[in-house]
Amino acid sequence: MKSFIGSGFNFPLKVDSNGSVAVSCDEENVEQSIKIILGTAKGERLYRSAFGCAIHDLVFQPNNRVTAARVESAIKDSLLRFEPRIKDIEIHASPDDHEPSRMNVTITYVVRALNKRENMVYPFYLRREEDV
């Protein structure tokens, strides 16, 4: 079943021990795809302007529960649209108690082909007014 998950170039790009471009596959490839979706601002890709995640529109918002709810919604919308290999997506965002410009986003999902639950924490950084 893992062959249905797919493979692709490793993200970030790197060279393997044979001097070739490193490849990721299976669950690792899904996780890297999620990071690419979240790390890409909508409109950033020339021929796929809808690709990406709207969280980048929130970087100047206050680090509070309202912004966290908007982050959760933006991430869920993007993953549902651009990552068909996952289902049962749960997102929980919360301001970091120790870093005022950081929001911790916990993403839980099931890889469809394996029916296997995975999770990851994605740090989302907001800009404070004094940083601008």
N, C-alpha and C. Protein backbone atom coordinates (compact mmCIF):
# COMPACT_ATOMS: atom_id res chain seq x y z
N MET A 1 0.82 -1.20 0.00
CA MET A 1 0.00 0.00 0.00
C MET A 1 0.86 1.26 0.00
N LYS A 2 2.06 1.20 0.54
CA LYS A 2 2.87 2.41 0.62
C LYS A 2 3.18 2.98 -0.76
N SER A 3 3.20 2.15 -1.80
CA SER A 3 3.49 2.66 -3.14
C SER A 3 2.43 3.64 -3.60
N PHE A 4 1.23 3.59 -3.04
CA PHE A 4 0.17 4.52 -3.41
C PHE A 4 0.39 5.90 -2.80
N ILE A 5 1.21 5.98 -1.78
CA ILE A 5 1.45 7.27 -1.13
C ILE A 5 2.31 8.16 -2.02
N GLY A 6 3.30 7.59 -2.66
CA GLY A 6 4.13 8.33 -3.59
C GLY A 6 5.48 8.71 -3.05
N SER A 7 6.24 9.37 -3.90
CA SER A 7 7.57 9.84 -3.54
C SER A 7 7.87 11.09 -4.36
N GLY A 8 8.92 11.77 -3.98
CA GLY A 8 9.31 12.98 -4.70
C GLY A 8 10.62 13.50 -4.17
N PHE A 9 11.07 14.59 -4.72
CA PHE A 9 12.31 15.19 -4.25
C PHE A 9 12.19 15.54 -2.78
N ASN A 10 13.27 15.32 -2.06
CA ASN A 10 13.31 15.68 -0.64
C ASN A 10 13.15 17.19 -0.49
N PHE A 11 12.48 17.61 0.57
CA PHE A 11 12.36 19.03 0.87
C PHE A 11 12.93 19.28 2.25
N PRO A 12 13.89 20.16 2.41
CA PRO A 12 14.51 20.94 1.35
C PRO A 12 15.42 20.06 0.49
N LEU A 13 15.68 20.55 -0.72
CA LEU A 13 16.52 19.79 -1.65
C LEU A 13 17.89 19.53 -1.02
N LYS A 14 18.36 18.30 -1.22
CA LYS A 14 19.70 17.96 -0.76
C LYS A 14 20.22 16.82 -1.62
N VAL A 15 21.50 16.56 -1.50
CA VAL A 15 22.16 15.51 -2.27
C VAL A 15 22.33 14.29 -1.38
N ASP A 16 22.04 13.10 -1.94
CA ASP A 16 22.20 11.88 -1.15
C ASP A 16 23.64 11.38 -1.22
N SER A 17 23.92 10.25 -0.62
CA SER A 17 25.29 9.71 -0.55
C SER A 17 25.85 9.30 -1.91
N ASN A 18 24.99 9.13 -2.91
CA ASN A 18 25.43 8.77 -4.27
C ASN A 18 25.64 9.98 -5.15
N GLY A 19 25.39 11.16 -4.63
CA GLY A 19 25.54 12.38 -5.41
C GLY A 19 24.30 12.75 -6.20
N SER A 20 23.21 12.04 -5.99
CA SER A 20 21.95 12.33 -6.67
C SER A 20 21.08 13.20 -5.77
N VAL A 21 20.03 13.74 -6.37
CA VAL A 21 19.07 14.50 -5.57
C VAL A 21 18.34 13.52 -4.66
N ALA A 22 18.29 13.83 -3.36
CA ALA A 22 17.65 12.95 -2.39
C ALA A 22 16.14 12.91 -2.63
N VAL A 23 15.55 11.75 -2.36
CA VAL A 23 14.13 11.53 -2.58
C VAL A 23 13.49 11.16 -1.24
N SER A 24 12.26 11.62 -1.03
CA SER A 24 11.50 11.18 0.14
C SER A 24 10.33 10.35 -0.36
N CYS A 25 9.86 9.44 0.49
CA CYS A 25 8.73 8.61 0.10
C CYS A 25 7.87 8.29 1.32
N ASP A 26 6.71 7.74 1.02
CA ASP A 26 5.77 7.29 2.04
C ASP A 26 5.35 8.43 2.97
N GLU A 27 5.26 8.15 4.27
CA GLU A 27 4.77 9.14 5.23
C GLU A 27 5.66 10.39 5.28
N GLU A 28 6.95 10.21 5.07
CA GLU A 28 7.88 11.35 5.07
C GLU A 28 7.53 12.31 3.93
N ASN A 29 7.15 11.78 2.77
CA ASN A 29 6.79 12.61 1.64
C ASN A 29 5.51 13.39 1.91
N VAL A 30 4.56 12.77 2.59
CA VAL A 30 3.31 13.46 2.96
C VAL A 30 3.63 14.62 3.90
N GLU A 31 4.44 14.37 4.92
CA GLU A 31 4.79 15.43 5.88
C GLU A 31 5.51 16.57 5.19
N GLN A 32 6.42 16.26 4.28
CA GLN A 32 7.12 17.32 3.56
C GLN A 32 6.17 18.11 2.67
N SER A 33 5.20 17.43 2.08
CA SER A 33 4.20 18.11 1.27
C SER A 33 3.39 19.09 2.11
N ILE A 34 3.02 18.67 3.31
CA ILE A 34 2.29 19.56 4.21
C ILE A 34 3.12 20.80 4.52
N LYS A 35 4.40 20.63 4.79
CA LYS A 35 5.28 21.76 5.08
C LYS A 35 5.40 22.70 3.88
N ILE A 36 5.41 22.14 2.68
CA ILE A 36 5.47 22.97 1.47
C ILE A 36 4.19 23.79 1.32
N ILE A 37 3.05 23.16 1.55
CA ILE A 37 1.76 23.87 1.46
C ILE A 37 1.72 25.01 2.46
N LEU A 38 2.09 24.73 3.71
CA LEU A 38 2.03 25.75 4.75
C LEU A 38 3.07 26.85 4.56
N GLY A 39 4.19 26.51 3.98
CA GLY A 39 5.26 27.48 3.79
C GLY A 39 5.12 28.34 2.54
N THR A 40 4.11 28.05 1.72
CA THR A 40 3.90 28.79 0.49
C THR A 40 2.73 29.76 0.65
N ALA A 41 2.98 31.02 0.40
CA ALA A 41 1.91 32.03 0.46
C ALA A 41 1.08 31.95 -0.82
N LYS A 42 -0.22 32.15 -0.69
CA LYS A 42 -1.07 32.17 -1.89
C LYS A 42 -0.58 33.28 -2.82
N GLY A 43 -0.51 32.95 -4.11
CA GLY A 43 -0.03 33.91 -5.09
C GLY A 43 1.47 33.85 -5.31
N GLU A 44 2.18 33.08 -4.51
CA GLU A 44 3.63 33.01 -4.61
C GLU A 44 4.10 32.22 -5.83
N ARG A 45 3.36 31.19 -6.21
CA ARG A 45 3.73 30.38 -7.38
C ARG A 45 3.12 30.99 -8.63
N LEU A 46 3.95 31.19 -9.62
CA LEU A 46 3.55 31.91 -10.82
C LEU A 46 2.36 31.29 -11.53
N TYR A 47 2.38 30.00 -11.79
CA TYR A 47 1.30 29.37 -12.56
C TYR A 47 0.31 28.61 -11.70
N ARG A 48 0.46 28.66 -10.41
CA ARG A 48 -0.49 28.05 -9.47
C ARG A 48 -0.77 29.05 -8.36
N SER A 49 -1.36 30.16 -8.70
CA SER A 49 -1.53 31.26 -7.75
C SER A 49 -2.44 30.91 -6.58
N ALA A 50 -3.31 29.91 -6.72
CA ALA A 50 -4.20 29.52 -5.62
C ALA A 50 -3.51 28.58 -4.64
N PHE A 51 -2.37 28.01 -5.04
CA PHE A 51 -1.67 27.05 -4.18
C PHE A 51 -1.07 27.76 -2.98
N GLY A 52 -1.11 27.09 -1.84
CA GLY A 52 -0.48 27.63 -0.63
C GLY A 52 -1.48 27.77 0.49
N CYS A 53 -1.10 28.56 1.48
CA CYS A 53 -1.91 28.71 2.68
C CYS A 53 -2.05 30.18 3.04
N ALA A 54 -3.24 30.55 3.49
CA ALA A 54 -3.54 31.95 3.80
C ALA A 54 -2.97 32.41 5.14
N ILE A 55 -2.23 31.56 5.85
CA ILE A 55 -1.67 32.00 7.14
C ILE A 55 -0.70 33.17 6.98
N HIS A 56 -0.12 33.29 5.81
CA HIS A 56 0.83 34.37 5.58
C HIS A 56 0.16 35.74 5.60
N ASP A 57 -1.15 35.76 5.41
CA ASP A 57 -1.91 37.01 5.51
C ASP A 57 -2.09 37.44 6.97
N LEU A 58 -1.73 36.56 7.90
CA LEU A 58 -1.98 36.81 9.33
C LEU A 58 -0.73 37.19 10.12
N VAL A 59 0.40 37.35 9.46
CA VAL A 59 1.65 37.56 10.19
C VAL A 59 1.69 38.84 11.02
N PHE A 60 0.86 39.82 10.69
CA PHE A 60 0.86 41.07 11.46
C PHE A 60 -0.28 41.14 12.47
N GLN A 61 -0.98 40.04 12.67
CA GLN A 61 -2.08 39.98 13.63
C GLN A 61 -1.53 39.73 15.03
N PRO A 62 -2.29 40.08 16.07
CA PRO A 62 -1.83 39.81 17.44
C PRO A 62 -1.80 38.31 17.72
N ASN A 63 -0.91 37.91 18.58
CA ASN A 63 -0.78 36.49 18.92
C ASN A 63 -1.79 36.17 20.03
N ASN A 64 -3.02 35.91 19.61
CA ASN A 64 -4.08 35.63 20.58
C ASN A 64 -4.98 34.51 20.05
N ARG A 65 -6.02 34.19 20.80
CA ARG A 65 -6.91 33.08 20.46
C ARG A 65 -7.69 33.33 19.17
N VAL A 66 -8.04 34.60 18.90
CA VAL A 66 -8.76 34.93 17.66
C VAL A 66 -7.89 34.62 16.45
N THR A 67 -6.64 35.05 16.49
CA THR A 67 -5.72 34.76 15.40
C THR A 67 -5.48 33.26 15.30
N ALA A 68 -5.38 32.58 16.43
CA ALA A 68 -5.18 31.12 16.43
C ALA A 68 -6.33 30.42 15.69
N ALA A 69 -7.55 30.87 15.92
CA ALA A 69 -8.71 30.28 15.24
C ALA A 69 -8.64 30.52 13.73
N ARG A 70 -8.17 31.69 13.34
CA ARG A 70 -8.03 31.99 11.91
C ARG A 70 -6.91 31.15 11.29
N VAL A 71 -5.84 30.92 12.04
CA VAL A 71 -4.74 30.06 11.58
C VAL A 71 -5.25 28.63 11.38
N GLU A 72 -6.00 28.14 12.36
CA GLU A 72 -6.55 26.78 12.27
C GLU A 72 -7.41 26.62 11.02
N SER A 73 -8.27 27.59 10.77
CA SER A 73 -9.15 27.53 9.61
C SER A 73 -8.37 27.58 8.30
N ALA A 74 -7.41 28.47 8.21
CA ALA A 74 -6.61 28.61 6.98
C ALA A 74 -5.83 27.34 6.68
N ILE A 75 -5.24 26.74 7.71
CA ILE A 75 -4.47 25.52 7.50
C ILE A 75 -5.37 24.37 7.09
N LYS A 76 -6.48 24.20 7.77
CA LYS A 76 -7.38 23.10 7.42
C LYS A 76 -7.89 23.25 5.99
N ASP A 77 -8.28 24.45 5.60
CA ASP A 77 -8.76 24.69 4.24
C ASP A 77 -7.69 24.31 3.21
N SER A 78 -6.46 24.72 3.44
CA SER A 78 -5.37 24.44 2.49
C SER A 78 -5.06 22.95 2.41
N LEU A 79 -5.02 22.28 3.55
CA LEU A 79 -4.71 20.85 3.53
C LEU A 79 -5.82 20.05 2.87
N LEU A 80 -7.05 20.42 3.12
CA LEU A 80 -8.17 19.73 2.46
C LEU A 80 -8.12 19.92 0.94
N ARG A 81 -7.68 21.07 0.52
CA ARG A 81 -7.65 21.37 -0.92
C ARG A 81 -6.44 20.78 -1.63
N PHE A 82 -5.26 20.82 -0.99
CA PHE A 82 -4.03 20.49 -1.72
C PHE A 82 -3.35 19.19 -1.31
N GLU A 83 -3.82 18.51 -0.29
CA GLU A 83 -3.17 17.24 0.11
C GLU A 83 -4.23 16.14 0.19
N PRO A 84 -4.55 15.52 -0.94
CA PRO A 84 -5.61 14.49 -0.97
C PRO A 84 -5.21 13.17 -0.32
N ARG A 85 -3.95 13.00 0.03
CA ARG A 85 -3.52 11.73 0.64
C ARG A 85 -3.83 11.64 2.12
N ILE A 86 -4.39 12.71 2.70
CA ILE A 86 -4.71 12.69 4.12
C ILE A 86 -6.20 12.94 4.36
N LYS A 87 -6.67 12.52 5.54
CA LYS A 87 -8.07 12.74 5.93
C LYS A 87 -8.10 12.94 7.45
N ASP A 88 -9.30 13.16 7.98
CA ASP A 88 -9.48 13.34 9.43
C ASP A 88 -8.48 14.35 10.01
N ILE A 89 -8.43 15.51 9.38
CA ILE A 89 -7.47 16.55 9.74
C ILE A 89 -7.97 17.32 10.96
N GLU A 90 -7.11 17.42 11.96
CA GLU A 90 -7.41 18.22 13.15
C GLU A 90 -6.27 19.22 13.35
N ILE A 91 -6.63 20.46 13.57
CA ILE A 91 -5.65 21.53 13.74
C ILE A 91 -5.90 22.19 15.09
N HIS A 92 -4.84 22.41 15.85
CA HIS A 92 -4.96 23.15 17.10
C HIS A 92 -3.80 24.15 17.16
N ALA A 93 -4.13 25.43 17.18
CA ALA A 93 -3.12 26.48 17.27
C ALA A 93 -3.25 27.19 18.61
N SER A 94 -2.10 27.53 19.19
CA SER A 94 -2.12 28.27 20.45
C SER A 94 -0.86 29.11 20.57
N PRO A 95 -0.99 30.31 21.14
CA PRO A 95 0.17 31.16 21.35
C PRO A 95 1.20 30.48 22.26
N ASP A 96 2.45 30.63 21.94
CA ASP A 96 3.53 30.07 22.74
C ASP A 96 3.70 30.92 24.00
N ASP A 97 3.75 30.29 25.15
CA ASP A 97 3.88 31.01 26.42
C ASP A 97 5.24 31.68 26.60
N HIS A 98 6.27 31.16 25.93
CA HIS A 98 7.63 31.65 26.16
C HIS A 98 8.15 32.53 25.02
N GLU A 99 7.52 32.45 23.87
CA GLU A 99 7.96 33.24 22.72
C GLU A 99 6.77 34.05 22.21
N PRO A 100 6.73 35.35 22.47
CA PRO A 100 5.55 36.17 22.16
C PRO A 100 5.20 36.24 20.67
N SER A 101 6.13 35.97 19.78
CA SER A 101 5.83 36.06 18.35
C SER A 101 5.61 34.68 17.71
N ARG A 102 5.54 33.64 18.53
CA ARG A 102 5.40 32.28 17.99
C ARG A 102 4.04 31.68 18.36
N MET A 103 3.43 31.02 17.38
CA MET A 103 2.20 30.27 17.61
C MET A 103 2.50 28.82 17.26
N ASN A 104 2.21 27.91 18.18
CA ASN A 104 2.44 26.49 17.94
C ASN A 104 1.18 25.88 17.34
N VAL A 105 1.34 25.22 16.21
CA VAL A 105 0.22 24.62 15.51
C VAL A 105 0.43 23.10 15.48
N THR A 106 -0.47 22.37 16.12
CA THR A 106 -0.42 20.91 16.12
C THR A 106 -1.37 20.42 15.04
N ILE A 107 -0.84 19.61 14.14
CA ILE A 107 -1.61 19.09 13.02
C ILE A 107 -1.66 17.57 13.17
N THR A 108 -2.86 17.03 13.24
CA THR A 108 -3.07 15.59 13.33
C THR A 108 -3.87 15.17 12.11
N TYR A 109 -3.48 14.07 11.48
CA TYR A 109 -4.14 13.62 10.27
C TYR A 109 -3.96 12.11 10.12
N VAL A 110 -4.74 11.53 9.22
CA VAL A 110 -4.64 10.11 8.90
C VAL A 110 -4.20 9.99 7.45
N VAL A 111 -3.14 9.20 7.21
CA VAL A 111 -2.70 8.92 5.84
C VAL A 111 -3.68 7.89 5.27
N ARG A 112 -4.40 8.28 4.22
CA ARG A 112 -5.49 7.46 3.68
C ARG A 112 -5.05 6.04 3.32
N ALA A 113 -3.95 5.90 2.59
CA ALA A 113 -3.54 4.60 2.08
C ALA A 113 -3.18 3.61 3.19
N LEU A 114 -2.77 4.13 4.33
CA LEU A 114 -2.33 3.26 5.42
C LEU A 114 -3.30 3.25 6.59
N ASN A 115 -4.25 4.19 6.58
CA ASN A 115 -5.15 4.39 7.72
C ASN A 115 -4.34 4.56 9.01
N LYS A 116 -3.27 5.34 8.89
CA LYS A 116 -2.33 5.54 10.00
C LYS A 116 -2.35 6.99 10.44
N ARG A 117 -2.55 7.21 11.73
CA ARG A 117 -2.59 8.56 12.30
C ARG A 117 -1.17 9.09 12.46
N GLU A 118 -0.98 10.33 12.03
CA GLU A 118 0.30 11.02 12.15
C GLU A 118 0.04 12.38 12.77
N ASN A 119 1.09 13.00 13.30
CA ASN A 119 0.96 14.37 13.78
C ASN A 119 2.29 15.08 13.66
N MET A 120 2.19 16.40 13.68
CA MET A 120 3.38 17.23 13.60
C MET A 120 3.07 18.57 14.26
N VAL A 121 4.11 19.27 14.69
CA VAL A 121 3.96 20.61 15.23
C VAL A 121 4.63 21.57 14.25
N TYR A 122 3.88 22.56 13.85
CA TYR A 122 4.37 23.56 12.91
C TYR A 122 4.47 24.89 13.63
N PRO A 123 5.66 25.46 13.74
CA PRO A 123 5.78 26.78 14.39
C PRO A 123 5.42 27.89 13.40
N PHE A 124 4.49 28.72 13.78
CA PHE A 124 4.08 29.85 12.93
C PHE A 124 4.49 31.12 13.65
N TYR A 125 5.28 31.94 12.98
CA TYR A 125 5.81 33.16 13.60
C TYR A 125 5.05 34.39 13.11
N LEU A 126 4.62 35.19 14.07
CA LEU A 126 3.95 36.45 13.79
C LEU A 126 4.95 37.58 14.03
N ARG A 127 4.76 38.69 13.36
CA ARG A 127 5.63 39.84 13.57
C ARG A 127 5.01 40.76 14.59
N ARG A 128 5.80 41.14 15.55
CA ARG A 128 5.34 42.11 16.55
C ARG A 128 5.56 43.50 16.00
N GLU A 129 4.78 44.46 16.45
CA GLU A 129 4.90 45.83 15.97
C GLU A 129 6.30 46.40 16.18
N GLU A 130 6.93 46.04 17.28
CA GLU A 130 8.27 46.57 17.55
C GLU A 130 9.34 45.95 16.65
N ASP A 131 9.00 44.84 15.93
CA ASP A 131 9.93 44.21 15.02
C ASP A 131 9.87 44.84 13.61
N VAL A 132 8.83 45.63 13.36
CA VAL A 132 8.62 46.17 12.00
C VAL A 132 9.35 47.47 11.84
